[in-house]
C-alpha cells in the first residue's frame, strides 16, 4: 500500500471526498483509495476504523491521519510546494483561502436541497428561497474572482484549490440546470473540462451501485 491513502465515499455522492481527492491528484504523487458505500447502515463504524471523526474524507500519510478536506489541502500544499495547489501571488493566495473557507463552512441550503449527484439530471429541482440566496453568493464569488484574474480560465487564473473547492458546486449546477451568465458559464465549463474533474466524473459514472438516500 502507498504511503498516501485517501478514504472517501462514493464518487457519485461525496462532494467532500472530491474536495480532498482533487488536490491529492494535483500533487502527482501515488496514492491508494479506499472507498465506503455511504448508504451502508454500518458505514460510520467502518470509517471510524480509519478516521476519528467517523466521516470521509480522511487521508493517511504514513502514521499521520487528517480528517478534514481543507486541512488535507493545506497539508498537501506544504508537502508538495511545486504542485501549485494555492496561487503563487500572496494576495491571490489569501483570497483563494478565503473563498475556499467560505465554501467549506457555508451554503447550507444549497447542500441540503441540491445534493451532490454526478449521474443525476434534475433541472429546476431544489430551488427554494434560501438555495437561491446561496446560488447568488456563489456566482458573485465567481464573478469577482474572474474579474480580478489576470489570465487563465479559473478563479485565480490557473487551476488551484479554490477551483477544487467549488468543483462539486459546478457539478451541482449542471445537475440542477442552474442558470449561469456568460462569465459563470465559461468558468463552469472550464472546471468541468479539467482532466482531473473529468477523471472523477468518469469514475462516478462507472460506479454500478446506487444509494437510495442520495437519489431522492
N, C-alpha and C. Protein backbone atom coordinates (compact mmCIF):
# COMPACT_ATOMS: atom_id res chain seq x y z
N UNK A 1 0.85 -1.20 0.00
CA UNK A 1 0.00 0.00 0.00
C UNK A 1 0.88 1.25 0.00
N UNK A 2 0.47 2.27 -0.73
CA UNK A 2 1.24 3.51 -0.82
C UNK A 2 1.26 4.23 0.53
N UNK A 3 2.25 5.12 0.70
CA UNK A 3 2.31 5.90 1.93
C UNK A 3 1.10 6.81 2.08
N UNK A 4 0.57 7.28 0.96
CA UNK A 4 -0.61 8.15 0.97
C UNK A 4 -1.85 7.30 0.68
N UNK A 5 -2.83 7.42 1.54
CA UNK A 5 -4.09 6.70 1.36
C UNK A 5 -5.24 7.67 1.59
N UNK A 6 -6.17 7.72 0.65
CA UNK A 6 -7.36 8.56 0.80
C UNK A 6 -8.56 7.66 1.03
N UNK A 7 -9.27 7.90 2.11
CA UNK A 7 -10.51 7.20 2.44
C UNK A 7 -11.67 8.11 2.04
N UNK A 8 -12.53 7.63 1.18
CA UNK A 8 -13.59 8.50 0.67
C UNK A 8 -14.88 7.73 0.43
N UNK A 9 -15.94 8.50 0.20
CA UNK A 9 -17.23 7.91 -0.09
C UNK A 9 -17.41 7.69 -1.58
N UNK A 10 -18.61 7.21 -1.95
CA UNK A 10 -18.95 7.00 -3.36
C UNK A 10 -18.65 8.27 -4.15
N UNK A 11 -17.98 8.14 -5.27
CA UNK A 11 -17.64 9.32 -6.06
C UNK A 11 -18.86 10.00 -6.65
N UNK A 12 -19.93 9.26 -6.81
CA UNK A 12 -21.14 9.88 -7.32
C UNK A 12 -21.82 10.79 -6.31
N UNK A 13 -21.59 10.57 -5.03
CA UNK A 13 -22.35 11.27 -4.00
C UNK A 13 -21.52 12.13 -3.04
N UNK A 14 -20.23 11.90 -2.96
CA UNK A 14 -19.46 12.51 -1.88
C UNK A 14 -18.68 13.73 -2.36
N UNK A 15 -19.29 14.90 -2.23
CA UNK A 15 -18.64 16.15 -2.64
C UNK A 15 -17.42 16.44 -1.79
N UNK A 16 -17.49 16.14 -0.49
CA UNK A 16 -16.34 16.41 0.38
C UNK A 16 -15.17 15.53 -0.01
N UNK A 17 -15.43 14.30 -0.41
CA UNK A 17 -14.35 13.44 -0.86
C UNK A 17 -13.69 14.00 -2.12
N UNK A 18 -14.51 14.54 -3.01
CA UNK A 18 -13.97 15.14 -4.23
C UNK A 18 -13.03 16.29 -3.89
N UNK A 19 -13.38 17.08 -2.86
CA UNK A 19 -12.54 18.22 -2.48
C UNK A 19 -11.19 17.80 -1.93
N UNK A 20 -11.09 16.60 -1.40
CA UNK A 20 -9.79 16.10 -0.94
C UNK A 20 -9.05 15.38 -2.07
N UNK A 21 -9.80 14.68 -2.91
CA UNK A 21 -9.18 13.91 -3.99
C UNK A 21 -8.51 14.81 -5.01
N UNK A 22 -9.14 15.93 -5.35
CA UNK A 22 -8.59 16.80 -6.39
C UNK A 22 -7.20 17.35 -6.04
N UNK A 23 -6.98 17.93 -4.85
CA UNK A 23 -5.62 18.37 -4.54
C UNK A 23 -4.62 17.23 -4.44
N UNK A 24 -5.07 16.08 -3.95
CA UNK A 24 -4.17 14.92 -3.89
C UNK A 24 -3.79 14.50 -5.30
N UNK A 25 -4.74 14.50 -6.19
CA UNK A 25 -4.45 14.18 -7.60
C UNK A 25 -3.52 15.21 -8.22
N UNK A 26 -3.67 16.46 -7.81
CA UNK A 26 -2.84 17.55 -8.34
C UNK A 26 -1.37 17.38 -7.98
N UNK A 27 -1.09 16.74 -6.86
CA UNK A 27 0.31 16.57 -6.46
C UNK A 27 1.09 15.68 -7.40
N UNK A 28 0.40 14.80 -8.10
CA UNK A 28 1.08 13.83 -8.95
C UNK A 28 1.65 12.65 -8.18
N UNK A 29 1.48 12.63 -6.87
CA UNK A 29 2.01 11.55 -6.06
C UNK A 29 1.15 10.29 -6.20
N UNK A 30 1.76 9.15 -5.99
CA UNK A 30 1.00 7.91 -5.97
C UNK A 30 0.21 7.83 -4.66
N UNK A 31 -1.03 7.37 -4.75
CA UNK A 31 -1.83 7.18 -3.55
C UNK A 31 -2.84 6.07 -3.78
N UNK A 32 -3.22 5.45 -2.71
CA UNK A 32 -4.26 4.42 -2.75
C UNK A 32 -5.59 5.04 -2.32
N UNK A 33 -6.67 4.43 -2.80
CA UNK A 33 -8.01 4.87 -2.44
C UNK A 33 -8.77 3.74 -1.78
N UNK A 34 -9.43 4.07 -0.69
CA UNK A 34 -10.32 3.14 0.00
C UNK A 34 -11.67 3.82 0.08
N UNK A 35 -12.69 3.24 -0.54
CA UNK A 35 -13.99 3.90 -0.57
C UNK A 35 -15.00 3.18 0.29
N UNK A 36 -16.02 3.93 0.68
CA UNK A 36 -17.09 3.42 1.53
C UNK A 36 -18.43 3.72 0.88
N UNK A 37 -19.33 2.76 0.93
CA UNK A 37 -20.70 2.97 0.46
C UNK A 37 -21.43 3.80 1.51
N UNK A 38 -21.78 5.03 1.17
CA UNK A 38 -22.33 5.94 2.16
C UNK A 38 -23.71 5.51 2.65
N UNK A 39 -24.40 4.70 1.88
CA UNK A 39 -25.71 4.24 2.32
C UNK A 39 -25.69 3.02 3.21
N UNK A 40 -24.54 2.44 3.44
CA UNK A 40 -24.42 1.28 4.31
C UNK A 40 -24.75 1.68 5.75
N UNK A 41 -25.66 0.98 6.42
CA UNK A 41 -26.03 1.37 7.79
C UNK A 41 -24.88 1.32 8.78
N UNK A 42 -23.83 0.59 8.45
CA UNK A 42 -22.68 0.48 9.34
C UNK A 42 -21.48 1.30 8.87
N UNK A 43 -21.74 2.23 7.95
CA UNK A 43 -20.62 2.91 7.31
C UNK A 43 -19.81 3.74 8.29
N UNK A 44 -20.47 4.38 9.26
CA UNK A 44 -19.72 5.24 10.19
C UNK A 44 -18.77 4.41 11.04
N UNK A 45 -19.19 3.23 11.43
CA UNK A 45 -18.30 2.36 12.20
C UNK A 45 -17.12 1.92 11.34
N UNK A 46 -17.39 1.63 10.08
CA UNK A 46 -16.31 1.20 9.18
C UNK A 46 -15.32 2.33 8.95
N UNK A 47 -15.83 3.54 8.73
CA UNK A 47 -14.95 4.69 8.55
C UNK A 47 -14.16 4.97 9.82
N UNK A 48 -14.81 4.75 10.97
CA UNK A 48 -14.17 5.01 12.25
C UNK A 48 -12.91 4.21 12.50
N UNK A 49 -12.74 3.13 11.76
CA UNK A 49 -11.50 2.36 11.87
C UNK A 49 -10.31 3.10 11.28
N UNK A 50 -10.61 4.15 10.48
CA UNK A 50 -9.55 4.89 9.79
C UNK A 50 -9.58 6.38 10.10
N UNK A 51 -10.69 6.90 10.58
CA UNK A 51 -10.86 8.34 10.80
C UNK A 51 -11.52 8.58 12.14
N UNK A 52 -10.92 9.40 13.02
CA UNK A 52 -11.52 9.64 14.33
C UNK A 52 -12.86 10.37 14.27
N UNK A 53 -13.11 11.10 13.19
CA UNK A 53 -14.39 11.80 13.05
C UNK A 53 -15.50 10.87 12.57
N UNK A 54 -15.12 9.68 12.09
CA UNK A 54 -16.06 8.71 11.51
C UNK A 54 -16.74 9.28 10.28
N UNK A 55 -16.06 10.19 9.61
CA UNK A 55 -16.55 10.79 8.38
C UNK A 55 -15.47 10.75 7.32
N UNK A 56 -15.89 10.84 6.05
CA UNK A 56 -14.95 10.98 4.95
C UNK A 56 -15.04 12.42 4.41
N UNK A 57 -13.93 12.89 3.82
CA UNK A 57 -12.70 12.17 3.54
C UNK A 57 -11.77 12.12 4.74
N UNK A 58 -10.86 11.19 4.69
CA UNK A 58 -9.73 11.15 5.61
C UNK A 58 -8.52 10.72 4.81
N UNK A 59 -7.37 11.20 5.20
CA UNK A 59 -6.14 10.84 4.48
C UNK A 59 -5.07 10.43 5.48
N UNK A 60 -4.40 9.36 5.15
CA UNK A 60 -3.25 8.93 5.94
C UNK A 60 -1.98 9.11 5.13
N UNK A 61 -0.98 9.65 5.77
CA UNK A 61 0.35 9.74 5.18
C UNK A 61 1.30 9.15 6.20
N UNK A 62 1.66 7.90 5.99
CA UNK A 62 2.42 7.18 7.00
C UNK A 62 1.57 7.02 8.26
N UNK A 63 2.06 7.51 9.39
CA UNK A 63 1.33 7.40 10.65
C UNK A 63 0.40 8.59 10.90
N UNK A 64 0.45 9.59 10.04
CA UNK A 64 -0.37 10.79 10.23
C UNK A 64 -1.74 10.60 9.60
N UNK A 65 -2.79 10.97 10.34
CA UNK A 65 -4.16 10.93 9.82
C UNK A 65 -4.75 12.33 9.85
N UNK A 66 -5.34 12.74 8.73
CA UNK A 66 -6.06 14.02 8.64
C UNK A 66 -7.48 13.70 8.20
N UNK A 67 -8.46 14.39 8.80
CA UNK A 67 -9.85 14.02 8.54
C UNK A 67 -10.72 15.23 8.18
N UNK A 68 -10.14 16.20 7.52
CA UNK A 68 -10.89 17.37 7.05
C UNK A 68 -10.35 17.76 5.69
N UNK A 69 -11.24 18.04 4.73
CA UNK A 69 -10.81 18.28 3.36
C UNK A 69 -9.91 19.51 3.24
N UNK A 70 -10.22 20.58 3.98
CA UNK A 70 -9.39 21.78 3.88
C UNK A 70 -8.03 21.56 4.54
N UNK A 71 -8.00 20.84 5.66
CA UNK A 71 -6.74 20.51 6.31
C UNK A 71 -5.89 19.62 5.41
N UNK A 72 -6.53 18.69 4.71
CA UNK A 72 -5.81 17.84 3.77
C UNK A 72 -5.19 18.69 2.66
N UNK A 73 -5.97 19.64 2.15
CA UNK A 73 -5.47 20.53 1.10
C UNK A 73 -4.26 21.31 1.56
N UNK A 74 -4.34 21.88 2.76
CA UNK A 74 -3.22 22.67 3.28
C UNK A 74 -1.98 21.80 3.48
N UNK A 75 -2.18 20.62 3.99
CA UNK A 75 -1.06 19.71 4.22
C UNK A 75 -0.38 19.36 2.89
N UNK A 76 -1.18 19.05 1.89
CA UNK A 76 -0.62 18.70 0.59
C UNK A 76 0.10 19.88 -0.04
N UNK A 77 -0.44 21.09 0.14
CA UNK A 77 0.21 22.28 -0.40
C UNK A 77 1.59 22.48 0.22
N UNK A 78 1.71 22.17 1.50
CA UNK A 78 3.00 22.31 2.17
C UNK A 78 3.97 21.21 1.77
N UNK A 79 3.47 19.99 1.65
CA UNK A 79 4.34 18.87 1.33
C UNK A 79 4.75 18.83 -0.14
N UNK A 80 3.90 19.42 -1.01
CA UNK A 80 4.17 19.42 -2.44
C UNK A 80 4.11 20.86 -2.96
N UNK A 81 5.07 21.69 -2.60
CA UNK A 81 5.01 23.12 -2.93
C UNK A 81 5.04 23.42 -4.42
N UNK A 82 5.53 22.49 -5.23
CA UNK A 82 5.59 22.73 -6.67
C UNK A 82 4.32 22.32 -7.40
N UNK A 83 3.32 21.83 -6.67
CA UNK A 83 2.09 21.35 -7.31
C UNK A 83 1.14 22.48 -7.67
N UNK A 84 1.39 23.69 -7.16
CA UNK A 84 0.52 24.82 -7.49
C UNK A 84 -0.87 24.71 -6.89
N UNK A 85 -0.97 24.13 -5.72
CA UNK A 85 -2.29 23.95 -5.11
C UNK A 85 -2.92 25.29 -4.73
N UNK A 86 -2.11 26.22 -4.24
CA UNK A 86 -2.58 27.58 -3.99
C UNK A 86 -1.91 28.54 -4.97
N UNK A 87 -2.51 29.71 -5.25
CA UNK A 87 -1.88 30.67 -6.15
C UNK A 87 -0.50 31.11 -5.64
N UNK A 88 0.37 31.45 -6.56
CA UNK A 88 1.73 31.87 -6.19
C UNK A 88 1.74 33.27 -5.58
N UNK A 89 0.87 34.15 -6.05
CA UNK A 89 0.83 35.53 -5.54
C UNK A 89 0.25 35.57 -4.13
N UNK A 90 0.87 36.35 -3.25
CA UNK A 90 0.44 36.39 -1.84
C UNK A 90 -1.02 36.81 -1.69
N UNK A 91 -1.39 37.90 -2.38
CA UNK A 91 -2.76 38.40 -2.26
C UNK A 91 -3.76 37.41 -2.83
N UNK A 92 -3.44 36.86 -4.00
CA UNK A 92 -4.33 35.86 -4.59
C UNK A 92 -4.45 34.64 -3.69
N UNK A 93 -3.34 34.25 -3.08
CA UNK A 93 -3.37 33.08 -2.20
C UNK A 93 -4.26 33.33 -0.98
N UNK A 94 -4.17 34.53 -0.43
CA UNK A 94 -5.02 34.86 0.72
C UNK A 94 -6.50 34.85 0.33
N UNK A 95 -6.82 35.42 -0.82
CA UNK A 95 -8.21 35.45 -1.26
C UNK A 95 -8.70 34.05 -1.63
N UNK A 96 -7.83 33.26 -2.22
CA UNK A 96 -8.21 31.88 -2.57
C UNK A 96 -8.53 31.09 -1.31
N UNK A 97 -7.74 31.30 -0.26
CA UNK A 97 -8.03 30.63 1.01
C UNK A 97 -9.37 31.13 1.58
N UNK A 98 -9.62 32.42 1.41
CA UNK A 98 -10.86 32.99 1.95
C UNK A 98 -12.10 32.39 1.28
N UNK A 99 -12.10 32.36 -0.05
CA UNK A 99 -13.28 31.83 -0.74
C UNK A 99 -13.40 30.32 -0.53
N UNK A 100 -12.27 29.63 -0.39
CA UNK A 100 -12.33 28.19 -0.11
C UNK A 100 -12.89 27.93 1.28
N UNK A 101 -12.49 28.76 2.24
CA UNK A 101 -13.03 28.61 3.60
C UNK A 101 -14.52 28.92 3.63
N UNK A 102 -14.95 29.93 2.86
CA UNK A 102 -16.38 30.23 2.80
C UNK A 102 -17.15 29.05 2.22
N UNK A 103 -16.60 28.43 1.19
CA UNK A 103 -17.24 27.25 0.62
C UNK A 103 -17.27 26.11 1.64
N UNK A 104 -16.20 25.99 2.38
CA UNK A 104 -16.05 24.90 3.35
C UNK A 104 -17.07 25.00 4.48
N UNK A 105 -17.40 26.23 4.88
CA UNK A 105 -18.25 26.40 6.07
C UNK A 105 -19.65 26.90 5.76
N UNK A 106 -19.91 27.30 4.54
CA UNK A 106 -21.17 27.96 4.24
C UNK A 106 -22.08 27.20 3.29
N UNK A 107 -23.08 27.91 2.79
CA UNK A 107 -24.02 27.43 1.79
C UNK A 107 -24.82 26.20 2.24
N UNK A 108 -25.39 26.24 3.45
CA UNK A 108 -26.10 25.06 3.96
C UNK A 108 -27.35 24.71 3.17
N UNK A 109 -28.07 25.71 2.68
CA UNK A 109 -29.30 25.41 1.93
C UNK A 109 -28.98 24.72 0.61
N UNK A 110 -27.96 25.20 -0.06
CA UNK A 110 -27.53 24.58 -1.32
C UNK A 110 -27.16 23.13 -1.10
N UNK A 111 -26.42 22.86 -0.04
CA UNK A 111 -26.02 21.49 0.25
C UNK A 111 -27.23 20.59 0.56
N UNK A 112 -28.17 21.16 1.32
CA UNK A 112 -29.31 20.35 1.78
C UNK A 112 -30.29 20.04 0.67
N UNK A 113 -30.55 21.02 -0.20
CA UNK A 113 -31.64 20.87 -1.17
C UNK A 113 -31.17 20.53 -2.58
N UNK A 114 -29.87 20.63 -2.82
CA UNK A 114 -29.30 20.22 -4.11
C UNK A 114 -28.16 19.24 -3.84
N UNK A 115 -28.48 18.04 -3.37
CA UNK A 115 -27.43 17.08 -3.03
C UNK A 115 -26.56 16.74 -4.24
N UNK A 116 -25.30 16.50 -3.95
CA UNK A 116 -24.32 16.17 -4.98
C UNK A 116 -24.64 14.82 -5.59
N UNK A 117 -24.73 14.78 -6.91
CA UNK A 117 -25.04 13.53 -7.60
C UNK A 117 -24.59 13.70 -9.05
N UNK A 118 -23.43 13.17 -9.37
CA UNK A 118 -22.84 13.37 -10.70
C UNK A 118 -23.72 12.81 -11.79
N UNK A 119 -24.34 11.65 -11.54
CA UNK A 119 -25.10 10.97 -12.59
C UNK A 119 -26.49 11.53 -12.79
N UNK A 120 -26.97 12.30 -11.86
CA UNK A 120 -28.36 12.74 -11.87
C UNK A 120 -28.56 13.96 -12.77
N UNK A 121 -29.74 14.08 -13.37
CA UNK A 121 -30.16 15.28 -14.08
C UNK A 121 -31.54 15.66 -13.59
N UNK A 122 -31.62 16.75 -12.82
CA UNK A 122 -32.89 17.15 -12.19
C UNK A 122 -33.10 18.65 -12.37
N UNK A 123 -33.31 19.10 -13.60
CA UNK A 123 -33.46 20.54 -13.86
C UNK A 123 -34.58 21.15 -13.02
N UNK A 124 -34.27 22.26 -12.38
CA UNK A 124 -35.29 23.02 -11.65
C UNK A 124 -35.59 22.54 -10.25
N UNK A 125 -35.09 21.38 -9.86
CA UNK A 125 -35.40 20.88 -8.53
C UNK A 125 -34.51 21.57 -7.48
N UNK A 126 -35.02 21.59 -6.25
CA UNK A 126 -34.25 22.13 -5.14
C UNK A 126 -34.22 23.64 -5.04
N UNK A 127 -35.00 24.34 -5.84
CA UNK A 127 -34.90 25.79 -5.90
C UNK A 127 -35.79 26.45 -4.85
N UNK A 128 -35.37 26.35 -3.61
CA UNK A 128 -36.06 27.03 -2.53
C UNK A 128 -35.41 28.38 -2.28
N UNK A 129 -36.09 29.24 -1.50
CA UNK A 129 -35.63 30.62 -1.33
C UNK A 129 -34.20 30.71 -0.84
N UNK A 130 -33.87 30.00 0.21
CA UNK A 130 -32.52 30.07 0.76
C UNK A 130 -31.49 29.49 -0.20
N UNK A 131 -31.90 28.54 -1.03
CA UNK A 131 -30.99 27.98 -2.03
C UNK A 131 -30.62 29.06 -3.04
N UNK A 132 -31.60 29.83 -3.48
CA UNK A 132 -31.32 30.90 -4.44
C UNK A 132 -30.35 31.92 -3.85
N UNK A 133 -30.47 32.19 -2.58
CA UNK A 133 -29.54 33.11 -1.92
C UNK A 133 -28.13 32.55 -1.95
N UNK A 134 -27.99 31.27 -1.67
CA UNK A 134 -26.68 30.62 -1.72
C UNK A 134 -26.12 30.64 -3.14
N UNK A 135 -26.98 30.36 -4.11
CA UNK A 135 -26.53 30.35 -5.51
C UNK A 135 -26.01 31.72 -5.91
N UNK A 136 -26.73 32.76 -5.56
CA UNK A 136 -26.30 34.11 -5.93
C UNK A 136 -24.96 34.47 -5.29
N UNK A 137 -24.73 34.01 -4.07
CA UNK A 137 -23.44 34.29 -3.44
C UNK A 137 -22.31 33.54 -4.15
N UNK A 138 -22.55 32.29 -4.50
CA UNK A 138 -21.54 31.53 -5.24
C UNK A 138 -21.20 32.24 -6.55
N UNK A 139 -22.22 32.65 -7.27
CA UNK A 139 -21.98 33.30 -8.56
C UNK A 139 -21.27 34.63 -8.39
N UNK A 140 -21.57 35.35 -7.31
CA UNK A 140 -20.88 36.61 -7.04
C UNK A 140 -19.39 36.37 -6.80
N UNK A 141 -19.08 35.31 -6.04
CA UNK A 141 -17.66 34.97 -5.81
C UNK A 141 -16.98 34.68 -7.14
N UNK A 142 -17.61 33.89 -7.97
CA UNK A 142 -17.00 33.55 -9.26
C UNK A 142 -16.77 34.81 -10.10
N UNK A 143 -17.77 35.69 -10.16
CA UNK A 143 -17.63 36.90 -10.98
C UNK A 143 -16.50 37.78 -10.46
N UNK A 144 -16.46 37.96 -9.15
CA UNK A 144 -15.44 38.84 -8.55
C UNK A 144 -14.04 38.29 -8.80
N UNK A 145 -13.87 37.00 -8.62
CA UNK A 145 -12.55 36.41 -8.82
C UNK A 145 -12.15 36.44 -10.29
N UNK A 146 -13.08 36.13 -11.16
CA UNK A 146 -12.75 36.14 -12.58
C UNK A 146 -12.45 37.56 -13.07
N UNK A 147 -13.14 38.54 -12.54
CA UNK A 147 -12.90 39.93 -12.95
C UNK A 147 -11.49 40.38 -12.56
N UNK A 148 -10.98 39.85 -11.45
CA UNK A 148 -9.65 40.24 -10.97
C UNK A 148 -8.53 39.38 -11.53
N UNK A 149 -8.87 38.23 -12.12
CA UNK A 149 -7.85 37.32 -12.63
C UNK A 149 -7.15 37.94 -13.83
N UNK A 150 -5.84 37.76 -13.90
CA UNK A 150 -5.05 38.36 -14.98
C UNK A 150 -4.95 37.48 -16.21
N UNK A 151 -5.47 36.30 -16.15
CA UNK A 151 -5.43 35.38 -17.28
C UNK A 151 -5.94 34.02 -16.87
N UNK A 152 -5.87 33.07 -17.78
CA UNK A 152 -6.33 31.73 -17.47
C UNK A 152 -7.84 31.64 -17.41
N UNK A 153 -8.33 30.46 -17.11
CA UNK A 153 -9.77 30.19 -17.14
C UNK A 153 -10.39 30.02 -15.77
N UNK A 154 -9.56 30.05 -14.72
CA UNK A 154 -10.06 29.69 -13.40
C UNK A 154 -10.12 30.91 -12.48
N UNK A 155 -10.55 30.70 -11.25
CA UNK A 155 -10.84 31.83 -10.35
C UNK A 155 -9.65 32.74 -10.17
N UNK A 156 -8.45 32.18 -10.11
CA UNK A 156 -7.24 32.97 -9.96
C UNK A 156 -6.28 32.73 -11.12
N UNK A 157 -6.86 32.44 -12.25
CA UNK A 157 -6.10 32.20 -13.47
C UNK A 157 -5.81 30.73 -13.66
N UNK A 158 -4.84 30.21 -12.92
CA UNK A 158 -4.50 28.79 -13.01
C UNK A 158 -5.40 27.96 -12.09
N UNK A 159 -5.40 26.67 -12.30
CA UNK A 159 -6.18 25.71 -11.51
C UNK A 159 -5.60 25.61 -10.10
N UNK A 160 -6.39 25.96 -9.09
CA UNK A 160 -5.90 25.95 -7.71
C UNK A 160 -6.95 25.33 -6.79
N UNK A 161 -6.63 25.30 -5.50
CA UNK A 161 -7.54 24.73 -4.51
C UNK A 161 -8.87 25.46 -4.46
N UNK A 162 -8.90 26.73 -4.82
CA UNK A 162 -10.17 27.45 -4.84
C UNK A 162 -11.13 26.80 -5.84
N UNK A 163 -10.61 26.47 -7.00
CA UNK A 163 -11.44 25.80 -8.01
C UNK A 163 -11.81 24.39 -7.56
N UNK A 164 -10.87 23.73 -6.90
CA UNK A 164 -11.16 22.38 -6.39
C UNK A 164 -12.27 22.43 -5.34
N UNK A 165 -12.30 23.50 -4.55
CA UNK A 165 -13.36 23.65 -3.54
C UNK A 165 -14.72 23.82 -4.19
N UNK A 166 -14.76 24.56 -5.30
CA UNK A 166 -16.04 24.85 -5.95
C UNK A 166 -16.42 23.82 -7.01
N UNK A 167 -15.52 22.90 -7.35
CA UNK A 167 -15.83 21.92 -8.39
C UNK A 167 -17.11 21.13 -8.11
N UNK A 168 -17.35 20.67 -6.87
CA UNK A 168 -18.62 19.97 -6.62
C UNK A 168 -19.85 20.86 -6.81
N UNK A 169 -19.69 22.16 -6.59
CA UNK A 169 -20.81 23.08 -6.82
C UNK A 169 -21.07 23.24 -8.31
N UNK A 170 -20.00 23.31 -9.08
CA UNK A 170 -20.16 23.35 -10.54
C UNK A 170 -20.95 22.12 -11.00
N UNK A 171 -20.59 20.96 -10.46
CA UNK A 171 -21.32 19.74 -10.81
C UNK A 171 -22.78 19.82 -10.39
N UNK A 172 -23.03 20.36 -9.20
CA UNK A 172 -24.41 20.54 -8.75
C UNK A 172 -25.18 21.44 -9.72
N UNK A 173 -24.56 22.53 -10.14
CA UNK A 173 -25.26 23.46 -11.03
C UNK A 173 -25.59 22.78 -12.36
N UNK A 174 -24.74 21.87 -12.80
CA UNK A 174 -25.07 21.11 -14.00
C UNK A 174 -26.23 20.15 -13.73
N UNK A 175 -26.19 19.47 -12.60
CA UNK A 175 -27.25 18.52 -12.26
C UNK A 175 -28.62 19.18 -12.23
N UNK A 176 -28.67 20.38 -11.62
CA UNK A 176 -29.97 21.04 -11.42
C UNK A 176 -30.21 22.16 -12.42
N UNK A 177 -29.37 22.24 -13.45
CA UNK A 177 -29.53 23.19 -14.56
C UNK A 177 -29.71 24.62 -14.06
N UNK A 178 -28.82 25.05 -13.18
CA UNK A 178 -28.85 26.42 -12.67
C UNK A 178 -28.44 27.38 -13.79
N UNK A 179 -29.20 28.46 -13.94
CA UNK A 179 -28.92 29.43 -14.99
C UNK A 179 -27.64 30.19 -14.67
N UNK A 180 -26.76 30.31 -15.66
CA UNK A 180 -25.48 30.99 -15.46
C UNK A 180 -25.30 32.07 -16.52
N UNK A 181 -24.72 33.20 -16.10
CA UNK A 181 -24.39 34.24 -17.07
C UNK A 181 -23.16 33.81 -17.86
N UNK A 182 -22.74 34.66 -18.80
CA UNK A 182 -21.64 34.29 -19.70
C UNK A 182 -20.35 34.01 -18.94
N UNK A 183 -20.02 34.87 -17.97
CA UNK A 183 -18.78 34.70 -17.21
C UNK A 183 -18.81 33.41 -16.41
N UNK A 184 -19.91 33.18 -15.71
CA UNK A 184 -20.00 31.99 -14.86
C UNK A 184 -20.10 30.72 -15.69
N UNK A 185 -20.77 30.79 -16.84
CA UNK A 185 -20.84 29.62 -17.72
C UNK A 185 -19.46 29.25 -18.23
N UNK A 186 -18.67 30.24 -18.64
CA UNK A 186 -17.32 29.96 -19.12
C UNK A 186 -16.48 29.33 -18.02
N UNK A 187 -16.63 29.86 -16.81
CA UNK A 187 -15.87 29.29 -15.69
C UNK A 187 -16.32 27.86 -15.41
N UNK A 188 -17.62 27.63 -15.33
CA UNK A 188 -18.14 26.29 -15.04
C UNK A 188 -17.68 25.30 -16.11
N UNK A 189 -17.70 25.71 -17.36
CA UNK A 189 -17.26 24.82 -18.44
C UNK A 189 -15.77 24.47 -18.28
N UNK A 190 -14.96 25.46 -17.89
CA UNK A 190 -13.53 25.21 -17.70
C UNK A 190 -13.30 24.20 -16.59
N UNK A 191 -14.07 24.32 -15.50
CA UNK A 191 -13.93 23.37 -14.39
C UNK A 191 -14.33 21.97 -14.84
N UNK A 192 -15.46 21.86 -15.53
CA UNK A 192 -15.94 20.55 -15.96
C UNK A 192 -15.01 19.92 -17.00
N UNK A 193 -14.27 20.75 -17.72
CA UNK A 193 -13.34 20.25 -18.73
C UNK A 193 -11.98 19.90 -18.15
N UNK A 194 -11.72 20.27 -16.90
CA UNK A 194 -10.41 19.96 -16.33
C UNK A 194 -10.22 18.45 -16.27
N UNK A 195 -9.06 17.94 -16.66
CA UNK A 195 -8.89 16.48 -16.73
C UNK A 195 -9.10 15.76 -15.41
N UNK A 196 -8.75 16.40 -14.29
CA UNK A 196 -8.95 15.72 -13.01
C UNK A 196 -10.43 15.64 -12.65
N UNK A 197 -11.18 16.69 -12.97
CA UNK A 197 -12.63 16.66 -12.74
C UNK A 197 -13.27 15.61 -13.64
N UNK A 198 -12.84 15.56 -14.88
CA UNK A 198 -13.39 14.55 -15.79
C UNK A 198 -13.06 13.14 -15.31
N UNK A 199 -11.87 12.97 -14.78
CA UNK A 199 -11.48 11.65 -14.25
C UNK A 199 -12.39 11.24 -13.10
N UNK A 200 -12.66 12.18 -12.19
CA UNK A 200 -13.56 11.90 -11.06
C UNK A 200 -14.96 11.55 -11.58
N UNK A 201 -15.45 12.34 -12.53
CA UNK A 201 -16.82 12.13 -13.02
C UNK A 201 -16.94 10.82 -13.79
N UNK A 202 -15.91 10.45 -14.53
CA UNK A 202 -15.96 9.15 -15.22
C UNK A 202 -16.04 8.01 -14.20
N UNK A 203 -15.29 8.14 -13.12
CA UNK A 203 -15.33 7.10 -12.09
C UNK A 203 -16.71 7.06 -11.44
N UNK A 204 -17.31 8.23 -11.22
CA UNK A 204 -18.66 8.28 -10.64
C UNK A 204 -19.67 7.62 -11.57
N UNK A 205 -19.55 7.90 -12.86
CA UNK A 205 -20.47 7.30 -13.83
C UNK A 205 -20.31 5.79 -13.89
N UNK A 206 -19.10 5.32 -13.64
CA UNK A 206 -18.82 3.88 -13.75
C UNK A 206 -19.26 3.10 -12.52
N UNK A 207 -19.54 3.77 -11.42
CA UNK A 207 -19.99 3.05 -10.23
C UNK A 207 -21.30 2.34 -10.53
N UNK A 208 -21.38 1.10 -10.15
CA UNK A 208 -22.56 0.30 -10.52
C UNK A 208 -23.49 0.08 -9.34
N UNK A 209 -23.48 1.00 -8.39
CA UNK A 209 -24.39 0.88 -7.26
C UNK A 209 -25.05 2.24 -7.04
N UNK A 210 -26.18 2.22 -6.38
CA UNK A 210 -26.89 3.44 -6.02
C UNK A 210 -27.15 3.42 -4.52
N UNK A 211 -27.33 4.59 -3.99
CA UNK A 211 -27.68 4.75 -2.58
C UNK A 211 -29.00 5.51 -2.53
N UNK A 212 -30.08 4.84 -2.16
CA UNK A 212 -31.42 5.44 -2.25
C UNK A 212 -31.53 6.72 -1.45
N UNK A 213 -30.78 6.83 -0.36
CA UNK A 213 -30.84 8.03 0.47
C UNK A 213 -30.41 9.27 -0.30
N UNK A 214 -29.54 9.09 -1.28
CA UNK A 214 -29.00 10.21 -2.02
C UNK A 214 -29.59 10.35 -3.41
N UNK A 215 -30.55 9.53 -3.75
CA UNK A 215 -31.18 9.59 -5.07
C UNK A 215 -32.66 9.97 -4.97
N UNK A 216 -32.98 10.76 -3.95
CA UNK A 216 -34.37 11.18 -3.76
C UNK A 216 -34.79 12.12 -4.87
